[in-house]
PDB file of N, CA and C in Angstrom:
ATOM      1  N   MET A   1      -5.886   8.869   0.673  1.00  0.00           N
ATOM      2  CA  MET A   1      -6.677   8.307  -0.390  1.00  0.00           C
ATOM      3  C   MET A   1      -5.881   7.181  -1.038  1.00  0.00           C
ATOM      4  N   THR A   2      -6.536   6.151  -1.505  1.00  0.00           N
ATOM      5  CA  THR A   2      -5.868   4.989  -2.054  1.00  0.00           C
ATOM      6  C   THR A   2      -6.068   4.910  -3.554  1.00  0.00           C
ATOM      7  N   ASP A   3      -5.015   4.590  -4.256  1.00  0.00           N
ATOM      8  CA  ASP A   3      -5.055   4.407  -5.701  1.00  0.00           C
ATOM      9  C   ASP A   3      -5.527   2.990  -5.979  1.00  0.00           C
ATOM     10  N   ALA A   4      -6.508   2.825  -6.848  1.00  0.00           N
ATOM     11  CA  ALA A   4      -7.066   1.501  -7.140  1.00  0.00           C
ATOM     12  C   ALA A   4      -6.027   0.555  -7.714  1.00  0.00           C
ATOM     13  N   SER A   5      -4.970   1.067  -8.341  1.00  0.00           N
ATOM     14  CA  SER A   5      -3.964   0.196  -8.939  1.00  0.00           C
ATOM     15  C   SER A   5      -3.166  -0.549  -7.877  1.00  0.00           C
ATOM     16  N   HIS A   6      -3.211  -0.090  -6.609  1.00  0.00           N
ATOM     17  CA  HIS A   6      -2.493  -0.761  -5.536  1.00  0.00           C
ATOM     18  C   HIS A   6      -3.359  -1.788  -4.836  1.00  0.00           C
ATOM     19  N   SER A   7      -4.576  -1.964  -5.288  1.00  0.00           N
ATOM     20  CA  SER A   7      -5.515  -2.885  -4.671  1.00  0.00           C
ATOM     21  C   SER A   7      -5.339  -4.282  -5.250  1.00  0.00           C
ATOM     22  N   PRO A   8      -5.358  -5.331  -4.377  1.00  0.00           N
ATOM     23  CA  PRO A   8      -5.285  -6.691  -4.898  1.00  0.00           C
ATOM     24  C   PRO A   8      -6.416  -6.994  -5.873  1.00  0.00           C
ATOM     25  N   ALA A   9      -7.574  -6.357  -5.700  1.00  0.00           N
ATOM     26  CA  ALA A   9      -8.712  -6.603  -6.583  1.00  0.00           C
ATOM     27  C   ALA A   9      -8.423  -6.138  -8.004  1.00  0.00           C
ATOM     28  N   ALA A  10      -7.535  -5.138  -8.164  1.00  0.00           N
ATOM     29  CA  ALA A  10      -7.201  -4.652  -9.501  1.00  0.00           C
ATOM     30  C   ALA A  10      -6.453  -5.721 -10.299  1.00  0.00           C
ATOM     31  N   ALA A  11      -5.692  -6.564  -9.601  1.00  0.00           N
ATOM     32  CA  ALA A  11      -4.917  -7.599 -10.267  1.00  0.00           C
ATOM     33  C   ALA A  11      -5.695  -8.904 -10.427  1.00  0.00           C
ATOM     34  N   ASP A  12      -6.590  -9.189  -9.512  1.00  0.00           N
ATOM     35  CA  ASP A  12      -7.308 -10.456  -9.505  1.00  0.00           C
ATOM     36  C   ASP A  12      -8.788 -10.200  -9.262  1.00  0.00           C
ATOM     37  N   PRO A  13      -9.624 -10.362 -10.305  1.00  0.00           N
ATOM     38  CA  PRO A  13     -11.054 -10.094 -10.149  1.00  0.00           C
ATOM     39  C   PRO A  13     -11.747 -11.036  -9.161  1.00  0.00           C
ATOM     40  N   ALA A  14     -11.103 -12.148  -8.783  1.00  0.00           N
ATOM     41  CA  ALA A  14     -11.704 -13.077  -7.821  1.00  0.00           C
ATOM     42  C   ALA A  14     -11.585 -12.557  -6.397  1.00  0.00           C
ATOM     43  N   VAL A  15     -10.717 -11.567  -6.165  1.00  0.00           N
ATOM     44  CA  VAL A  15     -10.537 -10.993  -4.832  1.00  0.00           C
ATOM     45  C   VAL A  15     -11.616  -9.952  -4.592  1.00  0.00           C
ATOM     46  N   ALA A  16     -12.232  -9.997  -3.414  1.00  0.00           N
ATOM     47  CA  ALA A  16     -13.297  -9.044  -3.080  1.00  0.00           C
ATOM     48  C   ALA A  16     -12.745  -7.617  -3.049  1.00  0.00           C
ATOM     49  N   LYS A  17     -13.534  -6.681  -3.582  1.00  0.00           N
ATOM     50  CA  LYS A  17     -13.149  -5.273  -3.558  1.00  0.00           C
ATOM     51  C   LYS A  17     -13.420  -4.697  -2.170  1.00  0.00           C
ATOM     52  N   VAL A  18     -12.605  -3.751  -1.769  1.00  0.00           N
ATOM     53  CA  VAL A  18     -12.760  -3.090  -0.477  1.00  0.00           C
ATOM     54  C   VAL A  18     -13.381  -1.722  -0.707  1.00  0.00           C
ATOM     55  N   HIS A  19     -14.421  -1.419   0.037  1.00  0.00           N
ATOM     56  CA  HIS A  19     -15.023  -0.086  -0.001  1.00  0.00           C
ATOM     57  C   HIS A  19     -14.505   0.673   1.212  1.00  0.00           C
ATOM     58  N   TRP A  20     -13.804   1.776   0.995  1.00  0.00           N
ATOM     59  CA  TRP A  20     -13.244   2.592   2.063  1.00  0.00           C
ATOM     60  C   TRP A  20     -14.278   3.648   2.458  1.00  0.00           C
ATOM     61  N   ASP A  21     -14.951   3.457   3.596  1.00  0.00           N
ATOM     62  CA  ASP A  21     -15.953   4.395   4.096  1.00  0.00           C
ATOM     63  C   ASP A  21     -15.241   5.524   4.839  1.00  0.00           C
ATOM     64  N   GLN A  22     -15.229   6.713   4.265  1.00  0.00           N
ATOM     65  CA  GLN A  22     -14.530   7.855   4.835  1.00  0.00           C
ATOM     66  C   GLN A  22     -15.470   8.798   5.598  1.00  0.00           C
ATOM     67  N   SER A  23     -16.711   8.409   5.788  1.00  0.00           N
ATOM     68  CA  SER A  23     -17.700   9.308   6.378  1.00  0.00           C
ATOM     69  C   SER A  23     -17.368   9.709   7.816  1.00  0.00           C
ATOM     70  N   GLN A  24     -16.680   8.889   8.578  1.00  0.00           N
ATOM     71  CA  GLN A  24     -16.344   9.195   9.970  1.00  0.00           C
ATOM     72  C   GLN A  24     -14.853   9.494  10.168  1.00  0.00           C
ATOM     73  N   MET A  25     -14.106   9.578   9.073  1.00  0.00           N
ATOM     74  CA  MET A  25     -12.658   9.767   9.176  1.00  0.00           C
ATOM     75  C   MET A  25     -12.311  11.189   9.600  1.00  0.00           C
ATOM     76  N   ARG A  26     -11.309  11.298  10.469  1.00  0.00           N
ATOM     77  CA  ARG A  26     -10.758  12.588  10.876  1.00  0.00           C
ATOM     78  C   ARG A  26      -9.335  12.675  10.355  1.00  0.00           C
ATOM     79  N   THR A  27      -8.879  13.864  10.095  1.00  0.00           N
ATOM     80  CA  THR A  27      -7.495  14.089   9.684  1.00  0.00           C
ATOM     81  C   THR A  27      -6.819  14.904  10.767  1.00  0.00           C
ATOM     82  N   GLU A  28      -5.674  14.425  11.230  1.00  0.00           N
ATOM     83  CA  GLU A  28      -4.894  15.139  12.218  1.00  0.00           C
ATOM     84  C   GLU A  28      -3.440  15.150  11.776  1.00  0.00           C
ATOM     85  N   PHE A  29      -2.725  16.183  12.180  1.00  0.00           N
ATOM     86  CA  PHE A  29      -1.319  16.334  11.828  1.00  0.00           C
ATOM     87  C   PHE A  29      -0.449  15.822  12.970  1.00  0.00           C
ATOM     88  N   ALA A  30       0.656  15.167  12.636  1.00  0.00           N
ATOM     89  CA  ALA A  30       1.650  14.754  13.627  1.00  0.00           C
ATOM     90  C   ALA A  30       3.032  14.934  13.009  1.00  0.00           C
ATOM     91  N   ASN A  31       3.965  15.473  13.798  1.00  0.00           N
ATOM     92  CA  ASN A  31       5.349  15.552  13.328  1.00  0.00           C
ATOM     93  C   ASN A  31       6.273  14.727  14.214  1.00  0.00           C
ATOM     94  N   VAL A  32       5.669  13.968  15.143  1.00  0.00           N
ATOM     95  CA  VAL A  32       6.420  13.071  16.021  1.00  0.00           C
ATOM     96  C   VAL A  32       5.663  11.754  16.103  1.00  0.00           C
ATOM     97  N   ILE A  33       6.406  10.657  16.050  1.00  0.00           N
ATOM     98  CA  ILE A  33       5.799   9.340  16.243  1.00  0.00           C
ATOM     99  C   ILE A  33       6.732   8.481  17.078  1.00  0.00           C
ATOM    100  N   ASN A  34       6.147   7.662  17.919  1.00  0.00           N
ATOM    101  CA  ASN A  34       6.920   6.694  18.686  1.00  0.00           C
ATOM    102  C   ASN A  34       6.163   5.380  18.640  1.00  0.00           C
ATOM    103  N   VAL A  35       6.876   4.284  18.813  1.00  0.00           N
ATOM    104  CA  VAL A  35       6.257   2.966  18.795  1.00  0.00           C
ATOM    105  C   VAL A  35       6.662   2.222  20.059  1.00  0.00           C
ATOM    106  N   VAL A  36       5.663   1.673  20.747  1.00  0.00           N
ATOM    107  CA  VAL A  36       5.866   0.862  21.936  1.00  0.00           C
ATOM    108  C   VAL A  36       5.264  -0.497  21.629  1.00  0.00           C
ATOM    109  N   SER A  37       5.960  -1.565  21.993  1.00  0.00           N
ATOM    110  CA  SER A  37       5.415  -2.885  21.667  1.00  0.00           C
ATOM    111  C   SER A  37       5.505  -3.840  22.842  1.00  0.00           C
ATOM    112  N   THR A  38       4.562  -4.779  22.821  1.00  0.00           N
ATOM    113  CA  THR A  38       4.573  -5.919  23.724  1.00  0.00           C
ATOM    114  C   THR A  38       4.437  -7.160  22.848  1.00  0.00           C
ATOM    115  N   ARG A  39       4.352  -8.298  23.453  1.00  0.00           N
ATOM    116  CA  ARG A  39       4.187  -9.531  22.676  1.00  0.00           C
ATOM    117  C   ARG A  39       2.867  -9.537  21.904  1.00  0.00           C
ATOM    118  N   GLU A  40       1.836  -8.895  22.446  1.00  0.00           N
ATOM    119  CA  GLU A  40       0.498  -8.941  21.869  1.00  0.00           C
ATOM    120  C   GLU A  40       0.130  -7.759  20.988  1.00  0.00           C
ATOM    121  N   GLU A  41       0.842  -6.616  21.113  1.00  0.00           N
ATOM    122  CA  GLU A  41       0.405  -5.444  20.372  1.00  0.00           C
ATOM    123  C   GLU A  41       1.535  -4.451  20.124  1.00  0.00           C
ATOM    124  N   PHE A  42       1.315  -3.615  19.127  1.00  0.00           N
ATOM    125  CA  PHE A  42       2.176  -2.480  18.831  1.00  0.00           C
ATOM    126  C   PHE A  42       1.321  -1.231  19.000  1.00  0.00           C
ATOM    127  N   SER A  43       1.805  -0.273  19.770  1.00  0.00           N
ATOM    128  CA  SER A  43       1.104   0.992  19.947  1.00  0.00           C
ATOM    129  C   SER A  43       1.891   2.083  19.233  1.00  0.00           C
ATOM    130  N   LEU A  44       1.231   2.747  18.280  1.00  0.00           N
ATOM    131  CA  LEU A  44       1.828   3.875  17.569  1.00  0.00           C
ATOM    132  C   LEU A  44       1.321   5.139  18.233  1.00  0.00           C
ATOM    133  N   LEU A  45       2.234   5.953  18.745  1.00  0.00           N
ATOM    134  CA  LEU A  45       1.888   7.184  19.448  1.00  0.00           C
ATOM    135  C   LEU A  45       2.224   8.365  18.553  1.00  0.00           C
ATOM    136  N   PHE A  46       1.229   9.217  18.296  1.00  0.00           N
ATOM    137  CA  PHE A  46       1.399  10.367  17.419  1.00  0.00           C
ATOM    138  C   PHE A  46       1.240  11.647  18.218  1.00  0.00           C
ATOM    139  N   GLY A  47       2.040  12.655  17.870  1.00  0.00           N
ATOM    140  CA  GLY A  47       1.934  13.922  18.563  1.00  0.00           C
ATOM    141  C   GLY A  47       2.583  15.046  17.790  1.00  0.00           C
ATOM    142  N   ILE A  48       2.626  16.203  18.440  1.00  0.00           N
ATOM    143  CA  ILE A  48       3.193  17.399  17.824  1.00  0.00           C
ATOM    144  C   ILE A  48       4.282  17.952  18.732  1.00  0.00           C
ATOM    145  N   ASN A  49       5.453  18.182  18.145  1.00  0.00           N
ATOM    146  CA  ASN A  49       6.547  18.837  18.847  1.00  0.00           C
ATOM    147  C   ASN A  49       6.311  20.336  18.733  1.00  0.00           C
ATOM    148  N   SER A  50       6.038  20.955  19.866  1.00  0.00           N
ATOM    149  CA  SER A  50       5.753  22.400  19.856  1.00  0.00           C
ATOM    150  C   SER A  50       6.904  23.202  20.458  1.00  0.00           C
ATOM    151  N   THR A  51       8.095  22.606  20.532  1.00  0.00           N
ATOM    152  CA  THR A  51       9.255  23.285  21.091  1.00  0.00           C
ATOM    153  C   THR A  51       9.785  24.308  20.097  1.00  0.00           C
ATOM    154  N   TRP A  52       9.908  25.552  20.556  1.00  0.00           N
ATOM    155  CA  TRP A  52      10.428  26.613  19.689  1.00  0.00           C
ATOM    156  C   TRP A  52      11.920  26.797  19.852  1.00  0.00           C
ATOM    157  N   SER A  53      12.420  26.587  21.056  1.00  0.00           N
ATOM    158  CA  SER A  53      13.835  26.843  21.296  1.00  0.00           C
ATOM    159  C   SER A  53      14.381  25.861  22.319  1.00  0.00           C
ATOM    160  N   LEU A  54      15.468  25.202  21.978  1.00  0.00           N
ATOM    161  CA  LEU A  54      16.126  24.306  22.923  1.00  0.00           C
ATOM    162  C   LEU A  54      17.074  25.074  23.832  1.00  0.00           C
ATOM    163  N   ALA A  55      17.324  26.357  23.533  1.00  0.00           N
ATOM    164  CA  ALA A  55      18.244  27.169  24.320  1.00  0.00           C
ATOM    165  C   ALA A  55      17.761  27.349  25.758  1.00  0.00           C
ATOM    166  N   GLU A  56      16.471  27.224  25.986  1.00  0.00           N
ATOM    167  CA  GLU A  56      15.921  27.384  27.327  1.00  0.00           C
ATOM    168  C   GLU A  56      16.244  26.198  28.222  1.00  0.00           C
ATOM    169  N   GLY A  57      16.740  25.100  27.648  1.00  0.00           N
ATOM    170  CA  GLY A  57      17.148  23.935  28.421  1.00  0.00           C
ATOM    171  C   GLY A  57      16.021  23.090  28.965  1.00  0.00           C
ATOM    172  N   LYS A  58      14.822  23.250  28.451  1.00  0.00           N
ATOM    173  CA  LYS A  58      13.666  22.498  28.952  1.00  0.00           C
ATOM    174  C   LYS A  58      13.452  21.184  28.204  1.00  0.00           C
ATOM    175  N   GLY A  59      14.188  20.946  27.128  1.00  0.00           N
ATOM    176  CA  GLY A  59      13.974  19.753  26.329  1.00  0.00           C
ATOM    177  C   GLY A  59      12.807  19.938  25.373  1.00  0.00           C
ATOM    178  N   PHE A  60      12.355  18.853  24.804  1.00  0.00           N
ATOM    179  CA  PHE A  60      11.256  18.892  23.843  1.00  0.00           C
ATOM    180  C   PHE A  60       9.915  18.766  24.552  1.00  0.00           C
ATOM    181  N   GLU A  61       8.948  19.492  24.072  1.00  0.00           N
ATOM    182  CA  GLU A  61       7.572  19.371  24.556  1.00  0.00           C
ATOM    183  C   GLU A  61       6.762  18.723  23.439  1.00  0.00           C
ATOM    184  N   VAL A  62       6.372  17.456  23.628  1.00  0.00           N
ATOM    185  CA  VAL A  62       5.583  16.737  22.634  1.00  0.00           C
ATOM    186  C   VAL A  62       4.214  16.470  23.224  1.00  0.00           C
ATOM    187  N   LYS A  63       3.191  16.975  22.570  1.00  0.00           N
ATOM    188  CA  LYS A  63       1.816  16.746  23.001  1.00  0.00           C
ATOM    189  C   LYS A  63       1.249  15.585  22.194  1.00  0.00           C
ATOM    190  N   LEU A  64       1.029  14.474  22.872  1.00  0.00           N
ATOM    191  CA  LEU A  64       0.481  13.298  22.192  1.00  0.00           C
ATOM    192  C   LEU A  64      -0.994  13.519  21.897  1.00  0.00           C
ATOM    193  N   SER A  65      -1.399  13.126  20.690  1.00  0.00           N
ATOM    194  CA  SER A  65      -2.782  13.337  20.273  1.00  0.00           C
ATOM    195  C   SER A  65      -3.518  12.045  19.968  1.00  0.00           C
ATOM    196  N   ASN A  66      -2.816  11.040  19.482  1.00  0.00           N
ATOM    197  CA  ASN A  66      -3.481   9.809  19.069  1.00  0.00           C
ATOM    198  C   ASN A  66      -2.611   8.594  19.382  1.00  0.00           C
ATOM    199  N   ARG A  67      -3.284   7.486  19.670  1.00  0.00           N
ATOM    200  CA  ARG A  67      -2.614   6.196  19.807  1.00  0.00           C
ATOM    201  C   ARG A  67      -3.369   5.202  18.939  1.00  0.00           C
ATOM    202  N   ILE A  68      -2.643   4.500  18.103  1.00  0.00           N
ATOM    203  CA  ILE A  68      -3.220   3.440  17.280  1.00  0.00           C
ATOM    204  C   ILE A  68      -2.607   2.125  17.777  1.00  0.00           C
ATOM    205  N   VAL A  69      -3.453   1.180  18.146  1.00  0.00           N
ATOM    206  CA  VAL A  69      -2.982  -0.108  18.640  1.00  0.00           C
ATOM    207  C   VAL A  69      -3.206  -1.150  17.542  1.00  0.00           C
ATOM    208  N   LEU A  70      -2.136  -1.873  17.205  1.00  0.00           N
ATOM    209  CA  LEU A  70      -2.174  -2.874  16.136  1.00  0.00           C
ATOM    210  C   LEU A  70      -1.762  -4.236  16.667  1.00  0.00           C
ATOM    211  N   THR A  71      -2.299  -5.274  16.063  1.00  0.00           N
ATOM    212  CA  THR A  71      -1.774  -6.602  16.335  1.00  0.00           C
ATOM    213  C   THR A  71      -0.404  -6.704  15.662  1.00  0.00           C
ATOM    214  N   PRO A  72       0.443  -7.644  16.064  1.00  0.00           N
ATOM    215  CA  PRO A  72       1.722  -7.797  15.376  1.00  0.00           C
ATOM    216  C   PRO A  72       1.560  -8.055  13.871  1.00  0.00           C
ATOM    217  N   PHE A  73       0.531  -8.786  13.473  1.00  0.00           N
ATOM    218  CA  PHE A  73       0.308  -9.050  12.048  1.00  0.00           C
ATOM    219  C   PHE A  73      -0.067  -7.777  11.292  1.00  0.00           C
ATOM    220  N   ALA A  74      -0.936  -6.958  11.890  1.00  0.00           N
ATOM    221  CA  ALA A  74      -1.300  -5.694  11.254  1.00  0.00           C
ATOM    222  C   ALA A  74      -0.097  -4.761  11.192  1.00  0.00           C
ATOM    223  N   ALA A  75       0.746  -4.765  12.233  1.00  0.00           N
ATOM    224  CA  ALA A  75       1.958  -3.941  12.230  1.00  0.00           C
ATOM    225  C   ALA A  75       2.898  -4.376  11.106  1.00  0.00           C
ATOM    226  N   LYS A  76       3.014  -5.665  10.884  1.00  0.00           N
ATOM    227  CA  LYS A  76       3.879  -6.175   9.803  1.00  0.00           C
ATOM    228  C   LYS A  76       3.329  -5.749   8.442  1.00  0.00           C
ATOM    229  N   ARG A  77       2.000  -5.789   8.266  1.00  0.00           N
ATOM    230  CA  ARG A  77       1.399  -5.335   7.007  1.00  0.00           C
ATOM    231  C   ARG A  77       1.607  -3.839   6.813  1.00  0.00           C
ATOM    232  N   LEU A  78       1.479  -3.062   7.903  1.00  0.00           N
ATOM    233  CA  LEU A  78       1.732  -1.621   7.828  1.00  0.00           C
ATOM    234  C   LEU A  78       3.172  -1.361   7.407  1.00  0.00           C
ATOM    235  N   HIS A  79       4.102  -2.105   7.973  1.00  0.00           N
ATOM    236  CA  HIS A  79       5.517  -1.972   7.606  1.00  0.00           C
ATOM    237  C   HIS A  79       5.721  -2.218   6.113  1.00  0.00           C
ATOM    238  N   ALA A  80       5.110  -3.270   5.595  1.00  0.00           N
ATOM    239  CA  ALA A  80       5.245  -3.587   4.169  1.00  0.00           C
ATOM    240  C   ALA A  80       4.642  -2.489   3.298  1.00  0.00           C
ATOM    241  N   LEU A  81       3.457  -2.010   3.652  1.00  0.00           N
ATOM    242  CA  LEU A  81       2.799  -0.950   2.875  1.00  0.00           C
ATOM    243  C   LEU A  81       3.599   0.348   2.905  1.00  0.00           C
ATOM    244  N   LEU A  82       4.073   0.739   4.093  1.00  0.00           N
ATOM    245  CA  LEU A  82       4.868   1.965   4.190  1.00  0.00           C
ATOM    246  C   LEU A  82       6.178   1.844   3.412  1.00  0.00           C
ATOM    247  N   SER A  83       6.812   0.695   3.472  1.00  0.00           N
ATOM    248  CA  SER A  83       8.067   0.484   2.715  1.00  0.00           C
ATOM    249  C   SER A  83       7.837   0.656   1.223  1.00  0.00           C
ATOM    250  N   GLU A  84       6.727   0.100   0.724  1.00  0.00           N
ATOM    251  CA  GLU A  84       6.397   0.245  -0.699  1.00  0.00           C
ATOM    252  C   GLU A  84       6.136   1.693  -1.068  1.00  0.00           C
ATOM    253  N   ARG A  85       5.332   2.386  -0.271  1.00  0.00           N
ATOM    254  CA  ARG A  85       4.984   3.769  -0.592  1.00  0.00           C
ATOM    255  C   ARG A  85       6.180   4.706  -0.481  1.00  0.00           C
ATOM    256  N   ILE A  86       7.056   4.468   0.498  1.00  0.00           N
ATOM    257  CA  ILE A  86       8.252   5.301   0.639  1.00  0.00           C
ATOM    258  C   ILE A  86       9.194   5.072  -0.539  1.00  0.00           C
ATOM    259  N   ALA A  87       9.328   3.824  -0.982  1.00  0.00           N
ATOM    260  CA  ALA A  87      10.165   3.543  -2.150  1.00  0.00           C
ATOM    261  C   ALA A  87       9.622   4.251  -3.387  1.00  0.00           C
ATOM    262  N   GLU A  88       8.299   4.236  -3.569  1.00  0.00           N
ATOM    263  CA  GLU A  88       7.684   4.950  -4.698  1.00  0.00           C
ATOM    264  C   GLU A  88       7.937   6.451  -4.596  1.00  0.00           C
ATOM    265  N   TYR A  89       7.766   7.001  -3.400  1.00  0.00           N
ATOM    266  CA  TYR A  89       7.980   8.429  -3.184  1.00  0.00           C
ATOM    267  C   TYR A  89       9.421   8.816  -3.507  1.00  0.00           C
ATOM    268  N   GLU A  90      10.374   8.041  -2.991  1.00  0.00           N
ATOM    269  CA  GLU A  90      11.784   8.350  -3.217  1.00  0.00           C
ATOM    270  C   GLU A  90      12.179   8.193  -4.677  1.00  0.00           C
ATOM    271  N   ALA A  91      11.551   7.272  -5.387  1.00  0.00           N
ATOM    272  CA  ALA A  91      11.834   7.113  -6.815  1.00  0.00           C
ATOM    273  C   ALA A  91      11.407   8.365  -7.589  1.00  0.00           C
ATOM    274  N   LYS A  92      10.344   8.991  -7.144  1.00  0.00           N
ATOM    275  CA  LYS A  92       9.840  10.199  -7.817  1.00  0.00           C
ATOM    276  C   LYS A  92      10.507  11.469  -7.320  1.00  0.00           C
ATOM    277  N   ASN A  93      10.790  11.552  -6.016  1.00  0.00           N
ATOM    278  CA  ASN A  93      11.193  12.807  -5.383  1.00  0.00           C
ATOM    279  C   ASN A  93      12.590  12.834  -4.797  1.00  0.00           C
ATOM    280  N   GLY A  94      13.291  11.735  -4.824  1.00  0.00           N
ATOM    281  CA  GLY A  94      14.630  11.686  -4.218  1.00  0.00           C
ATOM    282  C   GLY A  94      14.597  11.085  -2.822  1.00  0.00           C
ATOM    283  N   ALA A  95      15.765  10.716  -2.359  1.00  0.00           N
ATOM    284  CA  ALA A  95      15.896  10.028  -1.081  1.00  0.00           C
ATOM    285  C   ALA A  95      15.509  10.920   0.089  1.00  0.00           C
ATOM    286  N   LEU A  96      14.880  10.315   1.071  1.00  0.00           N
ATOM    287  CA  LEU A  96      14.560  10.984   2.329  1.00  0.00           C
ATOM    288  C   LEU A  96      15.653  10.597   3.325  1.00  0.00           C
ATOM    289  N   ASN A  97      16.495  11.529   3.688  1.00  0.00           N
ATOM    290  CA  ASN A  97      17.558  11.253   4.643  1.00  0.00           C
ATOM    291  C   ASN A  97      17.132  11.749   6.009  1.00  0.00           C
ATOM    292  N   ILE A  98      17.117  10.833   6.989  1.00  0.00           N
ATOM    293  CA  ILE A  98      16.747  11.214   8.338  1.00  0.00           C
ATOM    294  C   ILE A  98      17.927  10.928   9.263  1.00  0.00           C
ATOM    295  N   ALA A  99      18.036  11.732  10.318  1.00  0.00           N
ATOM    296  CA  ALA A  99      19.099  11.551  11.278  1.00  0.00           C
ATOM    297  C   ALA A  99      18.801  10.318  12.128  1.00  0.00           C
ATOM    298  N   PRO A 100      19.843   9.587  12.514  1.00  0.00           N
ATOM    299  CA  PRO A 100      19.626   8.397  13.362  1.00  0.00           C
ATOM    300  C   PRO A 100      19.100   8.733  14.727  1.00  0.00           C
TER     301      PRO A 100
END
């Protein structure tokens, strides 16, 4: 869900408002993401790691569920939006430390 205060229309009434139609939206969970890119597109691959034990020596089992394909410009906008939201989250909840 989007907060109206983050909308360009909230700051400038001359900017057209965006109506977010959620009638066909699905929600899916992913705990794994990978990104593959070419000159023309970025593909975001989402899936679920269902590995219970690495002791069996089989490696990770990731079941991919969704692929989102973006233009490089849309990928850059996504990067900017995610950076802003993560900074807001960390300001409220503390730093998110992830392993390299």
